[in-house]
Amino acid sequence: MSKTAISIMVYSIYLGTAGICMALIPNVLLHLLGHPTTNEVWVRLFGILAAVLGVKGIHGARNELLSTMQVDVVTRTVFSVFLTVLVVMGIARPILLLFAVIDFVAAIWTQTTIWKSRRS
């Protein structure tokens, strides 16, 4: 498995695990993040979407699908910028910056491995 695939695999396991937790036990995570608990279905839908995206990432990593892994860099970057904008606008709590940083750092990690593999 390439270093790029490893970076995608690690991130995808994180994303899938967080997604499954959000889909099954959302109020536990919301409480840990300092958010009010809810019975709204949207939180669970977001969770399962994250889990599905995690599976997509694992598939891309296991099959060394470079184009999929490159798109993953873009989507993680966009997501981290979006979270940051929500916090800056006062729409979201600052704790979401933690997720923005995780996604952005993970995107940089993957992009760096892609650049290095192209040079060699």
N, C-alpha and C. Protein backbone atom coordinates (compact mmCIF):
# COMPACT_ATOMS: atom_id res chain seq x y z
N MET A 1 0.85 -1.18 0.00
CA MET A 1 0.00 0.00 0.00
C MET A 1 0.89 1.24 0.00
N SER A 2 0.60 2.17 -0.90
CA SER A 2 1.40 3.39 -1.01
C SER A 2 1.18 4.31 0.20
N LYS A 3 2.08 5.27 0.36
CA LYS A 3 1.92 6.23 1.45
C LYS A 3 0.65 7.06 1.26
N THR A 4 0.30 7.35 0.02
CA THR A 4 -0.94 8.08 -0.25
C THR A 4 -2.13 7.25 0.19
N ALA A 5 -2.13 5.98 -0.16
CA ALA A 5 -3.23 5.10 0.22
C ALA A 5 -3.32 4.96 1.74
N ILE A 6 -2.19 4.91 2.40
CA ILE A 6 -2.19 4.83 3.87
C ILE A 6 -2.83 6.08 4.47
N SER A 7 -2.49 7.25 3.94
CA SER A 7 -3.07 8.49 4.47
C SER A 7 -4.58 8.51 4.27
N ILE A 8 -5.04 8.02 3.12
CA ILE A 8 -6.48 7.96 2.86
C ILE A 8 -7.13 6.93 3.77
N MET A 9 -6.50 5.80 3.96
CA MET A 9 -7.05 4.75 4.82
C MET A 9 -7.22 5.25 6.25
N VAL A 10 -6.19 5.90 6.78
CA VAL A 10 -6.28 6.41 8.16
C VAL A 10 -7.41 7.42 8.27
N TYR A 11 -7.47 8.36 7.36
CA TYR A 11 -8.53 9.36 7.40
C TYR A 11 -9.91 8.72 7.24
N SER A 12 -10.02 7.77 6.33
CA SER A 12 -11.32 7.14 6.06
C SER A 12 -11.81 6.32 7.25
N ILE A 13 -10.90 5.69 7.96
CA ILE A 13 -11.30 4.97 9.18
C ILE A 13 -11.80 5.96 10.23
N TYR A 14 -11.09 7.08 10.39
CA TYR A 14 -11.55 8.14 11.30
C TYR A 14 -12.95 8.63 10.89
N LEU A 15 -13.12 8.93 9.60
CA LEU A 15 -14.39 9.46 9.11
C LEU A 15 -15.51 8.44 9.27
N GLY A 16 -15.24 7.21 8.90
CA GLY A 16 -16.26 6.17 9.00
C GLY A 16 -16.67 5.89 10.44
N THR A 17 -15.69 5.84 11.33
CA THR A 17 -15.97 5.60 12.74
C THR A 17 -16.79 6.73 13.34
N ALA A 18 -16.37 7.96 13.06
CA ALA A 18 -17.12 9.12 13.56
C ALA A 18 -18.53 9.13 12.98
N GLY A 19 -18.65 8.79 11.71
CA GLY A 19 -19.95 8.75 11.07
C GLY A 19 -20.88 7.73 11.68
N ILE A 20 -20.36 6.53 11.92
CA ILE A 20 -21.18 5.48 12.54
C ILE A 20 -21.64 5.92 13.94
N CYS A 21 -20.73 6.51 14.69
CA CYS A 21 -21.09 7.01 16.03
C CYS A 21 -22.17 8.09 15.93
N MET A 22 -22.02 9.00 14.97
CA MET A 22 -23.01 10.07 14.82
C MET A 22 -24.36 9.50 14.38
N ALA A 23 -24.34 8.46 13.57
CA ALA A 23 -25.59 7.85 13.12
C ALA A 23 -26.28 7.07 14.23
N LEU A 24 -25.49 6.41 15.08
CA LEU A 24 -26.08 5.53 16.09
C LEU A 24 -26.24 6.17 17.46
N ILE A 25 -25.28 6.99 17.87
CA ILE A 25 -25.32 7.61 19.21
C ILE A 25 -25.01 9.11 19.11
N PRO A 26 -25.81 9.84 18.34
CA PRO A 26 -25.47 11.25 18.10
C PRO A 26 -25.42 12.10 19.35
N ASN A 27 -26.29 11.85 20.29
CA ASN A 27 -26.33 12.73 21.46
C ASN A 27 -25.11 12.57 22.36
N VAL A 28 -24.49 11.42 22.34
CA VAL A 28 -23.24 11.24 23.10
C VAL A 28 -22.17 12.16 22.51
N LEU A 29 -22.02 12.14 21.19
CA LEU A 29 -21.02 12.98 20.55
C LEU A 29 -21.36 14.46 20.67
N LEU A 30 -22.63 14.79 20.49
CA LEU A 30 -23.02 16.19 20.61
C LEU A 30 -22.72 16.72 22.02
N HIS A 31 -23.00 15.91 23.03
CA HIS A 31 -22.71 16.31 24.40
C HIS A 31 -21.21 16.52 24.61
N LEU A 32 -20.39 15.59 24.08
CA LEU A 32 -18.93 15.72 24.22
C LEU A 32 -18.41 16.98 23.54
N LEU A 33 -19.10 17.42 22.49
CA LEU A 33 -18.69 18.62 21.76
C LEU A 33 -19.32 19.89 22.31
N GLY A 34 -20.11 19.76 23.37
CA GLY A 34 -20.73 20.93 23.98
C GLY A 34 -21.94 21.45 23.22
N HIS A 35 -22.51 20.60 22.38
CA HIS A 35 -23.72 20.98 21.64
C HIS A 35 -24.94 20.43 22.35
N PRO A 36 -26.08 21.10 22.20
CA PRO A 36 -27.30 20.55 22.80
C PRO A 36 -27.69 19.24 22.11
N THR A 37 -28.26 18.34 22.88
CA THR A 37 -28.72 17.08 22.29
C THR A 37 -29.96 17.35 21.45
N THR A 38 -30.26 16.40 20.58
CA THR A 38 -31.38 16.58 19.66
C THR A 38 -31.97 15.24 19.26
N ASN A 39 -33.19 15.28 18.81
CA ASN A 39 -33.83 14.10 18.24
C ASN A 39 -34.05 14.28 16.74
N GLU A 40 -33.47 15.32 16.18
CA GLU A 40 -33.60 15.59 14.75
C GLU A 40 -32.91 14.48 13.94
N VAL A 41 -33.52 14.10 12.86
CA VAL A 41 -32.98 13.03 12.02
C VAL A 41 -31.75 13.49 11.24
N TRP A 42 -31.58 14.79 11.03
CA TRP A 42 -30.48 15.31 10.21
C TRP A 42 -29.11 14.93 10.75
N VAL A 43 -28.98 14.87 12.04
CA VAL A 43 -27.69 14.52 12.64
C VAL A 43 -27.32 13.09 12.26
N ARG A 44 -28.29 12.20 12.34
CA ARG A 44 -28.05 10.81 11.98
C ARG A 44 -27.77 10.66 10.47
N LEU A 45 -28.48 11.44 9.66
CA LEU A 45 -28.24 11.40 8.22
C LEU A 45 -26.82 11.87 7.89
N PHE A 46 -26.38 12.92 8.55
CA PHE A 46 -25.01 13.39 8.37
C PHE A 46 -24.03 12.30 8.77
N GLY A 47 -24.32 11.61 9.86
CA GLY A 47 -23.45 10.54 10.33
C GLY A 47 -23.32 9.40 9.34
N ILE A 48 -24.44 8.96 8.79
CA ILE A 48 -24.37 7.85 7.84
C ILE A 48 -23.70 8.29 6.54
N LEU A 49 -23.89 9.55 6.16
CA LEU A 49 -23.19 10.07 4.98
C LEU A 49 -21.68 10.05 5.21
N ALA A 50 -21.25 10.46 6.38
CA ALA A 50 -19.82 10.42 6.70
C ALA A 50 -19.31 8.99 6.67
N ALA A 51 -20.08 8.05 7.20
CA ALA A 51 -19.67 6.64 7.18
C ALA A 51 -19.55 6.12 5.75
N VAL A 52 -20.51 6.49 4.91
CA VAL A 52 -20.48 6.07 3.50
C VAL A 52 -19.25 6.65 2.80
N LEU A 53 -18.95 7.91 3.07
CA LEU A 53 -17.76 8.52 2.48
C LEU A 53 -16.48 7.84 2.98
N GLY A 54 -16.51 7.40 4.23
CA GLY A 54 -15.38 6.65 4.76
C GLY A 54 -15.17 5.34 4.01
N VAL A 55 -16.26 4.66 3.71
CA VAL A 55 -16.16 3.42 2.93
C VAL A 55 -15.60 3.69 1.54
N LYS A 56 -16.06 4.79 0.93
CA LYS A 56 -15.54 5.18 -0.39
C LYS A 56 -14.03 5.41 -0.33
N GLY A 57 -13.59 6.06 0.71
CA GLY A 57 -12.16 6.32 0.87
C GLY A 57 -11.37 5.04 1.07
N ILE A 58 -11.90 4.13 1.86
CA ILE A 58 -11.22 2.85 2.08
C ILE A 58 -11.11 2.09 0.76
N HIS A 59 -12.17 2.10 -0.02
CA HIS A 59 -12.15 1.44 -1.33
C HIS A 59 -11.08 2.07 -2.23
N GLY A 60 -11.04 3.39 -2.27
CA GLY A 60 -10.03 4.08 -3.09
C GLY A 60 -8.62 3.77 -2.64
N ALA A 61 -8.41 3.70 -1.34
CA ALA A 61 -7.08 3.41 -0.82
C ALA A 61 -6.67 1.97 -1.11
N ARG A 62 -7.56 1.03 -0.87
CA ARG A 62 -7.24 -0.39 -1.09
C ARG A 62 -6.95 -0.68 -2.55
N ASN A 63 -7.58 0.06 -3.45
CA ASN A 63 -7.40 -0.18 -4.87
C ASN A 63 -6.45 0.83 -5.53
N GLU A 64 -5.78 1.65 -4.70
CA GLU A 64 -4.80 2.62 -5.20
C GLU A 64 -5.39 3.50 -6.31
N LEU A 65 -6.61 3.96 -6.11
CA LEU A 65 -7.29 4.81 -7.11
C LEU A 65 -6.84 6.25 -6.91
N LEU A 66 -5.76 6.60 -7.57
CA LEU A 66 -5.15 7.92 -7.37
C LEU A 66 -6.11 9.06 -7.66
N SER A 67 -6.93 8.93 -8.71
CA SER A 67 -7.86 10.02 -9.03
C SER A 67 -8.88 10.21 -7.90
N THR A 68 -9.33 9.13 -7.31
CA THR A 68 -10.26 9.22 -6.18
C THR A 68 -9.56 9.83 -4.97
N MET A 69 -8.32 9.45 -4.75
CA MET A 69 -7.58 9.99 -3.61
C MET A 69 -7.30 11.48 -3.79
N GLN A 70 -7.05 11.90 -5.03
CA GLN A 70 -6.82 13.32 -5.30
C GLN A 70 -8.09 14.13 -5.05
N VAL A 71 -9.23 13.60 -5.48
CA VAL A 71 -10.51 14.28 -5.23
C VAL A 71 -10.77 14.37 -3.73
N ASP A 72 -10.35 13.36 -2.99
CA ASP A 72 -10.52 13.36 -1.55
C ASP A 72 -9.79 14.54 -0.91
N VAL A 73 -8.63 14.88 -1.44
CA VAL A 73 -7.88 16.04 -0.94
C VAL A 73 -8.72 17.30 -1.12
N VAL A 74 -9.31 17.45 -2.29
CA VAL A 74 -10.12 18.64 -2.58
C VAL A 74 -11.35 18.70 -1.67
N THR A 75 -12.05 17.58 -1.53
CA THR A 75 -13.27 17.60 -0.72
C THR A 75 -12.98 17.86 0.75
N ARG A 76 -11.88 17.32 1.25
CA ARG A 76 -11.53 17.59 2.65
C ARG A 76 -11.16 19.06 2.86
N THR A 77 -10.47 19.63 1.88
CA THR A 77 -10.10 21.04 1.97
C THR A 77 -11.35 21.93 1.95
N VAL A 78 -12.24 21.64 1.03
CA VAL A 78 -13.50 22.41 0.94
C VAL A 78 -14.28 22.30 2.25
N PHE A 79 -14.37 21.09 2.78
CA PHE A 79 -15.11 20.89 4.03
C PHE A 79 -14.48 21.68 5.18
N SER A 80 -13.16 21.67 5.27
CA SER A 80 -12.50 22.40 6.35
C SER A 80 -12.70 23.90 6.22
N VAL A 81 -12.66 24.41 4.99
CA VAL A 81 -12.92 25.84 4.77
C VAL A 81 -14.36 26.17 5.14
N PHE A 82 -15.30 25.32 4.74
CA PHE A 82 -16.71 25.54 5.05
C PHE A 82 -16.95 25.58 6.55
N LEU A 83 -16.37 24.64 7.29
CA LEU A 83 -16.52 24.65 8.74
C LEU A 83 -15.96 25.94 9.34
N THR A 84 -14.81 26.36 8.85
CA THR A 84 -14.19 27.58 9.36
C THR A 84 -15.08 28.80 9.09
N VAL A 85 -15.64 28.87 7.92
CA VAL A 85 -16.54 29.98 7.57
C VAL A 85 -17.75 29.98 8.50
N LEU A 86 -18.32 28.82 8.77
CA LEU A 86 -19.47 28.75 9.68
C LEU A 86 -19.12 29.28 11.07
N VAL A 87 -17.92 28.94 11.54
CA VAL A 87 -17.49 29.43 12.86
C VAL A 87 -17.27 30.93 12.83
N VAL A 88 -16.59 31.42 11.81
CA VAL A 88 -16.31 32.86 11.69
C VAL A 88 -17.61 33.66 11.60
N MET A 89 -18.60 33.12 10.92
CA MET A 89 -19.89 33.80 10.79
C MET A 89 -20.73 33.72 12.07
N GLY A 90 -20.28 32.94 13.04
CA GLY A 90 -21.02 32.81 14.28
C GLY A 90 -22.17 31.82 14.20
N ILE A 91 -22.23 31.04 13.13
CA ILE A 91 -23.30 30.07 12.95
C ILE A 91 -22.99 28.77 13.70
N ALA A 92 -21.71 28.44 13.82
CA ALA A 92 -21.29 27.20 14.46
C ALA A 92 -20.37 27.52 15.64
N ARG A 93 -20.33 26.58 16.56
CA ARG A 93 -19.47 26.74 17.73
C ARG A 93 -18.00 26.52 17.35
N PRO A 94 -17.10 27.20 18.05
CA PRO A 94 -15.67 27.08 17.74
C PRO A 94 -15.10 25.66 17.81
N ILE A 95 -15.74 24.76 18.54
CA ILE A 95 -15.24 23.38 18.62
C ILE A 95 -15.15 22.75 17.23
N LEU A 96 -15.97 23.23 16.28
CA LEU A 96 -15.92 22.67 14.93
C LEU A 96 -14.61 22.98 14.22
N LEU A 97 -13.88 23.96 14.73
CA LEU A 97 -12.55 24.23 14.16
C LEU A 97 -11.62 23.04 14.35
N LEU A 98 -11.86 22.25 15.38
CA LEU A 98 -11.06 21.04 15.58
C LEU A 98 -11.20 20.11 14.38
N PHE A 99 -12.43 19.94 13.90
CA PHE A 99 -12.67 19.08 12.75
C PHE A 99 -12.12 19.71 11.47
N ALA A 100 -12.21 21.03 11.39
CA ALA A 100 -11.65 21.73 10.24
C ALA A 100 -10.14 21.50 10.16
N VAL A 101 -9.48 21.58 11.29
CA VAL A 101 -8.03 21.37 11.34
C VAL A 101 -7.69 19.92 10.99
N ILE A 102 -8.43 18.97 11.55
CA ILE A 102 -8.17 17.55 11.25
C ILE A 102 -8.29 17.31 9.75
N ASP A 103 -9.36 17.80 9.14
CA ASP A 103 -9.56 17.59 7.71
C ASP A 103 -8.48 18.27 6.89
N PHE A 104 -8.12 19.48 7.27
CA PHE A 104 -7.11 20.22 6.50
C PHE A 104 -5.74 19.57 6.61
N VAL A 105 -5.36 19.17 7.81
CA VAL A 105 -4.07 18.51 8.00
C VAL A 105 -4.04 17.18 7.25
N ALA A 106 -5.14 16.45 7.30
CA ALA A 106 -5.22 15.18 6.57
C ALA A 106 -5.11 15.41 5.06
N ALA A 107 -5.73 16.47 4.57
CA ALA A 107 -5.63 16.80 3.14
C ALA A 107 -4.19 17.14 2.76
N ILE A 108 -3.51 17.91 3.59
CA ILE A 108 -2.11 18.25 3.33
C ILE A 108 -1.25 16.99 3.34
N TRP A 109 -1.49 16.12 4.28
CA TRP A 109 -0.74 14.86 4.36
C TRP A 109 -0.88 14.07 3.06
N THR A 110 -2.12 13.89 2.62
CA THR A 110 -2.35 13.13 1.40
C THR A 110 -1.74 13.83 0.19
N GLN A 111 -1.93 15.14 0.07
CA GLN A 111 -1.40 15.86 -1.09
C GLN A 111 0.12 15.79 -1.12
N THR A 112 0.74 15.87 0.03
CA THR A 112 2.20 15.76 0.10
C THR A 112 2.67 14.40 -0.40
N THR A 113 1.97 13.34 0.00
CA THR A 113 2.37 12.01 -0.46
C THR A 113 2.16 11.87 -1.97
N ILE A 114 1.13 12.50 -2.50
CA ILE A 114 0.90 12.46 -3.96
C ILE A 114 2.05 13.15 -4.68
N TRP A 115 2.44 14.34 -4.21
CA TRP A 115 3.55 15.07 -4.84
C TRP A 115 4.83 14.26 -4.80
N LYS A 116 5.11 13.66 -3.63
CA LYS A 116 6.34 12.89 -3.49
C LYS A 116 6.34 11.66 -4.40
N SER A 117 5.20 11.02 -4.55
CA SER A 117 5.15 9.84 -5.41
C SER A 117 5.31 10.22 -6.89
N ARG A 118 4.87 11.40 -7.26
CA ARG A 118 5.02 11.84 -8.65
C ARG A 118 6.47 12.18 -8.97
N ARG A 119 7.20 12.67 -7.96
CA ARG A 119 8.62 13.03 -8.17
C ARG A 119 9.52 11.80 -8.28
N SER A 120 9.08 10.70 -7.68
CA SER A 120 9.97 9.52 -7.70
C SER A 120 9.64 8.55 -8.80
